């Protein structure tokens, strides 16, 4: 074993696992971009969204979703991509990769303040990519209600305005209330609802072309249940009863945050 940095280490199997993870994300995108599948879920580990173009970090070796996004563009000519990240942590590596790219919209909901310390609202992209990075830092204990508000009033309208040809999702399930390292409070039912909304948006905008790529999730019961819920959403099946139930904590009021986001993104009159 060897440590790459204080939060990421390797073992004898890491290189092969990381290659398979990036390759799995590429294959999922290939299946959807080529029309062989309507949608897909790359169930891969290690995760990827913290890995930057130059180094690994945060348990991530390669940025699987960024690699897959670039593959979709270069191999299949996908012009406009939206990447939605609902992992509890900010996808700093994905943001870094596309920060100046006007053809990739990156949207992240994440707990704040939290590792890696990036993802503040003013981070909106630079140069040609200015206005194609949407960061929504959420206070601790934000759960099903807050996420539904944020998606309905901010995130979905921004993606809809961008008009992507494909939607990719960094599907991290560590925003579940039972996760040991995540301070947010989504339930399995809440995650199912978010995925259902993204699947519906893909049907509306880009012929249903949506690919999920697994990111975080460190409570095995929650991880498994959320994964099954996401797969059911992709298959168009109704959500099952939530095996872990609703969050036991009270949610904060994020009305002011949503108002600030809507003003910053000129969404005051959108729903």
Protein backbone atom coordinates (compact mmCIF):
# COMPACT_ATOMS: atom_id res chain seq x y z
CA UNK A 1 0.00 0.00 0.00
CA UNK A 2 1.08 3.58 -0.64
CA UNK A 3 -0.42 6.94 0.32
CA UNK A 4 -0.86 9.39 -2.56
CA UNK A 5 -1.93 12.16 -0.17
CA UNK A 6 -3.39 12.36 3.36
CA UNK A 7 -6.84 11.12 2.28
CA UNK A 8 -6.12 8.72 -0.59
CA UNK A 9 -4.09 5.52 -0.57
CA UNK A 10 -3.50 2.65 -2.97
CA UNK A 11 -3.25 -1.12 -2.59
CA UNK A 12 -2.04 -3.79 -4.96
CA UNK A 13 -5.44 -3.86 -6.70
CA UNK A 14 -6.04 -0.11 -6.95
CA UNK A 15 -4.67 0.48 -10.46
CA UNK A 16 -6.78 -2.26 -12.02
CA UNK A 17 -9.88 -1.24 -10.07
CA UNK A 18 -9.45 2.40 -11.11
CA UNK A 19 -9.05 1.43 -14.78
CA UNK A 20 -12.21 -0.69 -14.60
CA UNK A 21 -14.10 2.14 -12.88
CA UNK A 22 -13.22 4.67 -15.58
CA UNK A 23 -13.84 2.06 -18.25
CA UNK A 24 -17.23 1.20 -16.78
CA UNK A 25 -18.29 4.84 -16.92
CA UNK A 26 -17.06 5.07 -20.51
CA UNK A 27 -19.00 1.92 -21.47
CA UNK A 28 -22.20 3.24 -19.89
CA UNK A 29 -21.92 6.49 -21.85
CA UNK A 30 -21.10 4.59 -25.03
CA UNK A 31 -24.22 2.42 -24.70
CA UNK A 32 -26.46 5.47 -24.29
CA UNK A 33 -24.74 7.77 -26.80
CA UNK A 34 -24.83 5.05 -29.46
CA UNK A 35 -28.50 4.29 -28.87
CA UNK A 36 -27.92 0.76 -27.60
CA UNK A 37 -29.51 1.74 -24.27
CA UNK A 38 -31.80 4.56 -23.23
CA UNK A 39 -30.05 5.04 -19.91
CA UNK A 40 -27.43 3.34 -17.76
CA UNK A 41 -25.87 3.19 -14.29
CA UNK A 42 -22.12 2.55 -13.94
CA UNK A 43 -21.82 0.76 -10.58
CA UNK A 44 -18.12 1.42 -10.12
CA UNK A 45 -15.59 2.03 -7.38
CA UNK A 46 -13.30 3.79 -6.60
CA UNK A 47 -15.37 6.95 -7.01
CA UNK A 48 -14.06 9.80 -9.12
CA UNK A 49 -15.47 13.29 -8.65
CA UNK A 50 -12.65 14.62 -6.44
CA UNK A 51 -9.88 13.62 -8.86
CA UNK A 52 -8.62 16.63 -10.77
CA UNK A 53 -6.94 16.59 -14.19
CA UNK A 54 -3.56 16.52 -12.43
CA UNK A 55 -3.93 14.50 -9.21
CA UNK A 56 -5.96 11.99 -7.21
CA UNK A 57 -7.68 12.92 -3.95
CA UNK A 58 -10.66 12.13 -1.73
CA UNK A 59 -10.66 8.32 -2.32
CA UNK A 60 -10.70 9.06 -6.09
CA UNK A 61 -8.06 7.91 -8.59
CA UNK A 62 -9.45 9.00 -11.96
CA UNK A 63 -12.43 11.27 -12.48
CA UNK A 64 -14.69 8.61 -13.97
CA UNK A 65 -17.55 10.90 -14.95
CA UNK A 66 -15.26 13.54 -16.47
CA UNK A 67 -13.44 10.91 -18.52
CA UNK A 68 -16.79 9.51 -19.71
CA UNK A 69 -18.06 12.99 -20.56
CA UNK A 70 -15.01 13.71 -22.70
CA UNK A 71 -15.43 10.35 -24.40
CA UNK A 72 -19.04 11.18 -25.27
CA UNK A 73 -17.90 14.44 -26.84
CA UNK A 74 -14.91 13.17 -28.80
CA UNK A 75 -16.19 9.73 -29.83
CA UNK A 76 -19.89 10.44 -30.36
CA UNK A 77 -19.95 14.19 -30.97
CA UNK A 78 -22.22 15.00 -28.04
CA UNK A 79 -22.25 18.79 -28.13
CA UNK A 80 -23.72 19.82 -24.78
CA UNK A 81 -23.52 17.86 -21.55
CA UNK A 82 -25.02 18.53 -18.13
CA UNK A 83 -23.39 16.88 -15.12
CA UNK A 84 -25.49 16.81 -11.95
CA UNK A 85 -23.70 15.85 -8.73
CA UNK A 86 -25.82 14.92 -5.69
CA UNK A 87 -23.00 13.42 -3.63
CA UNK A 88 -22.73 15.02 -0.18
CA UNK A 89 -19.30 16.42 -1.10
CA UNK A 90 -18.55 19.00 -3.76
CA UNK A 91 -17.24 17.48 -6.98
CA UNK A 92 -14.20 19.74 -7.13
CA UNK A 93 -12.37 17.61 -9.69
CA UNK A 94 -15.29 17.64 -12.11
CA UNK A 95 -15.63 21.38 -11.65
CA UNK A 96 -11.91 21.92 -12.29
CA UNK A 97 -12.06 19.85 -15.48
CA UNK A 98 -14.87 21.86 -17.07
CA UNK A 99 -14.62 25.24 -15.33
CA UNK A 100 -13.77 27.13 -18.52
CA UNK A 101 -15.84 24.93 -20.86
CA UNK A 102 -19.03 26.48 -22.19
CA UNK A 103 -20.31 23.14 -23.48
CA UNK A 104 -20.49 21.37 -20.10
CA UNK A 105 -22.87 22.50 -17.36
CA UNK A 106 -21.80 21.30 -13.90
CA UNK A 107 -24.38 21.43 -11.09
CA UNK A 108 -23.53 20.37 -7.54
CA UNK A 109 -25.59 20.16 -4.35
CA UNK A 110 -23.40 19.48 -1.32
CA UNK A 111 -23.07 19.99 2.41
CA UNK A 112 -21.19 23.09 3.50
CA UNK A 113 -18.80 23.63 5.17
CA UNK A 114 -17.37 20.22 4.30
CA UNK A 115 -14.50 18.50 2.50
CA UNK A 116 -12.94 19.56 0.16
CA UNK A 117 -13.89 23.14 1.03
CA UNK A 118 -14.83 24.18 -2.50
CA UNK A 119 -18.18 24.74 -4.19
CA UNK A 120 -19.27 28.16 -2.99
CA UNK A 121 -22.02 30.03 -4.82
CA UNK A 122 -19.68 32.57 -6.50
CA UNK A 123 -17.85 29.72 -8.26
CA UNK A 124 -19.78 29.90 -11.54
CA UNK A 125 -17.09 29.16 -14.14
CA UNK A 126 -14.54 31.30 -15.93
CA UNK A 127 -13.75 32.65 -19.38
CA UNK A 128 -15.98 30.96 -21.97
CA UNK A 129 -17.37 28.72 -19.22
CA UNK A 130 -18.62 31.56 -17.04
CA UNK A 131 -22.22 30.73 -16.11
CA UNK A 132 -21.89 26.97 -16.65
CA UNK A 133 -21.05 25.98 -13.05
CA UNK A 134 -23.90 25.95 -10.53
CA UNK A 135 -22.93 25.38 -6.90
CA UNK A 136 -25.58 24.92 -4.23
CA UNK A 137 -23.90 24.66 -0.80
CA UNK A 138 -26.47 23.35 1.68
CA UNK A 139 -26.58 23.70 5.47
CA UNK A 140 -26.25 20.56 7.56
CA UNK A 141 -29.41 18.41 7.95
CA UNK A 142 -30.94 19.56 4.65
CA UNK A 143 -33.04 16.62 3.51
CA UNK A 144 -35.92 15.56 1.28
CA UNK A 145 -37.90 18.81 1.50
CA UNK A 146 -34.94 21.11 0.95
CA UNK A 147 -33.62 19.09 -1.97
CA UNK A 148 -37.01 19.09 -3.66
CA UNK A 149 -37.16 22.87 -3.29
CA UNK A 150 -33.67 23.32 -4.71
CA UNK A 151 -34.32 21.02 -7.66
CA UNK A 152 -37.73 22.49 -8.51
CA UNK A 153 -36.77 26.15 -8.19
CA UNK A 154 -33.10 26.26 -9.17
CA UNK A 155 -31.31 23.18 -10.49
CA UNK A 156 -33.87 21.82 -12.94
CA UNK A 157 -34.62 25.26 -14.46
CA UNK A 158 -30.89 25.89 -14.96
CA UNK A 159 -30.41 22.52 -16.69
CA UNK A 160 -33.54 23.09 -18.78
CA UNK A 161 -32.24 26.47 -19.92
CA UNK A 162 -28.89 24.89 -20.91
CA UNK A 163 -30.62 22.32 -23.16
CA UNK A 164 -28.11 19.45 -22.88
CA UNK A 165 -27.88 16.57 -25.35
CA UNK A 166 -27.17 14.15 -22.48
CA UNK A 167 -27.31 14.26 -18.68
CA UNK A 168 -24.68 12.57 -16.49
CA UNK A 169 -25.17 12.15 -12.76
CA UNK A 170 -22.50 11.78 -10.08
CA UNK A 171 -24.65 9.49 -7.97
CA UNK A 172 -23.19 9.71 -4.49
CA UNK A 173 -25.43 8.32 -1.76
CA UNK A 174 -23.55 9.77 1.21
CA UNK A 175 -26.11 12.56 1.56
CA UNK A 176 -28.36 9.92 3.15
CA UNK A 177 -29.20 10.70 6.77
CA UNK A 178 -27.62 7.43 8.02
CA UNK A 179 -24.28 7.93 6.27
CA UNK A 180 -21.41 8.07 8.80
CA UNK A 181 -19.48 10.88 7.09
CA UNK A 182 -22.25 12.89 5.49
CA UNK A 183 -24.05 15.74 7.32
CA UNK A 184 -27.11 15.94 5.05
CA UNK A 185 -30.42 14.16 5.60
CA UNK A 186 -31.86 12.68 2.41
CA UNK A 187 -33.82 9.44 2.75
CA UNK A 188 -33.93 6.58 0.25
CA UNK A 189 -37.32 7.92 -0.87
CA UNK A 190 -35.80 11.38 -1.24
CA UNK A 191 -32.99 10.06 -3.41
CA UNK A 192 -35.52 8.12 -5.50
CA UNK A 193 -37.50 11.31 -6.07
CA UNK A 194 -34.41 13.23 -7.19
CA UNK A 195 -33.43 10.51 -9.64
CA UNK A 196 -36.99 10.31 -10.96
CA UNK A 197 -36.94 14.06 -11.61
CA UNK A 198 -33.65 13.82 -13.48
CA UNK A 199 -34.92 10.88 -15.55
CA UNK A 200 -38.04 12.88 -16.43
CA UNK A 201 -35.90 15.89 -17.35
CA UNK A 202 -33.75 13.73 -19.63
CA UNK A 203 -36.91 12.48 -21.37
CA UNK A 204 -38.02 16.08 -21.82
CA UNK A 205 -34.71 17.46 -23.11
CA UNK A 206 -32.58 14.72 -24.65
CA UNK A 207 -34.57 11.61 -25.58
CA UNK A 208 -34.09 10.11 -22.14
CA UNK A 209 -30.29 9.98 -22.43
CA UNK A 210 -29.04 9.89 -18.85
CA UNK A 211 -26.13 8.02 -17.26
CA UNK A 212 -25.52 7.63 -13.54
CA UNK A 213 -22.02 6.98 -12.21
CA UNK A 214 -21.62 5.81 -8.61
CA UNK A 215 -19.70 8.10 -6.28
CA UNK A 216 -19.79 8.07 -2.45
CA UNK A 217 -21.93 6.19 0.07
CA UNK A 218 -20.51 4.63 3.24
CA UNK A 219 -23.47 3.09 5.04
CA UNK A 220 -23.94 -0.21 3.21
CA UNK A 221 -27.66 -0.50 3.92
CA UNK A 222 -28.34 3.02 2.67
CA UNK A 223 -25.98 2.61 -0.28
CA UNK A 224 -27.69 -0.58 -1.41
CA UNK A 225 -31.21 0.75 -0.96
CA UNK A 226 -30.45 4.04 -2.75
CA UNK A 227 -28.81 2.18 -5.63
CA UNK A 228 -31.85 -0.05 -6.07
CA UNK A 229 -34.12 3.03 -5.91
CA UNK A 230 -32.07 4.75 -8.62
CA UNK A 231 -32.19 1.66 -10.83
CA UNK A 232 -35.96 1.49 -10.43
CA UNK A 233 -36.18 5.14 -11.49
CA UNK A 234 -34.10 4.43 -14.60
CA UNK A 235 -36.38 1.49 -15.43
CA UNK A 236 -39.50 3.61 -14.97
CA UNK A 237 -40.70 1.55 -12.03
CA UNK A 238 -42.43 3.00 -9.00
CA UNK A 239 -40.35 3.46 -5.87
CA UNK A 240 -40.61 0.78 -3.21
CA UNK A 241 -41.22 1.48 0.47
CA UNK A 242 -38.20 3.15 2.06
CA UNK A 243 -36.50 0.44 4.15
CA UNK A 244 -34.69 2.94 6.37
CA UNK A 245 -37.46 5.49 6.76
CA UNK A 246 -37.33 9.28 6.97
CA UNK A 247 -34.55 11.26 8.59
CA UNK A 248 -34.86 11.63 12.37
CA UNK A 249 -33.48 15.18 12.34
CA UNK A 250 -35.25 18.48 11.66
CA UNK A 251 -34.45 20.27 8.42
CA UNK A 252 -33.20 23.87 8.31
CA UNK A 253 -35.07 26.60 6.43
CA UNK A 254 -33.25 27.26 3.14
CA UNK A 255 -35.69 29.83 1.73
CA UNK A 256 -33.09 32.61 1.83
CA UNK A 257 -30.51 30.44 0.06
CA UNK A 258 -32.98 29.61 -2.71
CA UNK A 259 -33.90 33.27 -3.10
CA UNK A 260 -30.21 34.20 -3.46
CA UNK A 261 -29.67 31.44 -6.03
CA UNK A 262 -32.71 32.44 -8.07
CA UNK A 263 -31.56 36.05 -8.13
CA UNK A 264 -27.99 35.12 -9.10
CA UNK A 265 -29.19 32.84 -11.89
CA UNK A 266 -32.06 35.08 -13.08
CA UNK A 267 -34.73 32.54 -12.13
CA UNK A 268 -37.06 34.85 -10.21
CA UNK A 269 -40.00 34.18 -12.54
CA UNK A 270 -39.33 30.50 -13.29
CA UNK A 271 -40.75 27.41 -11.66
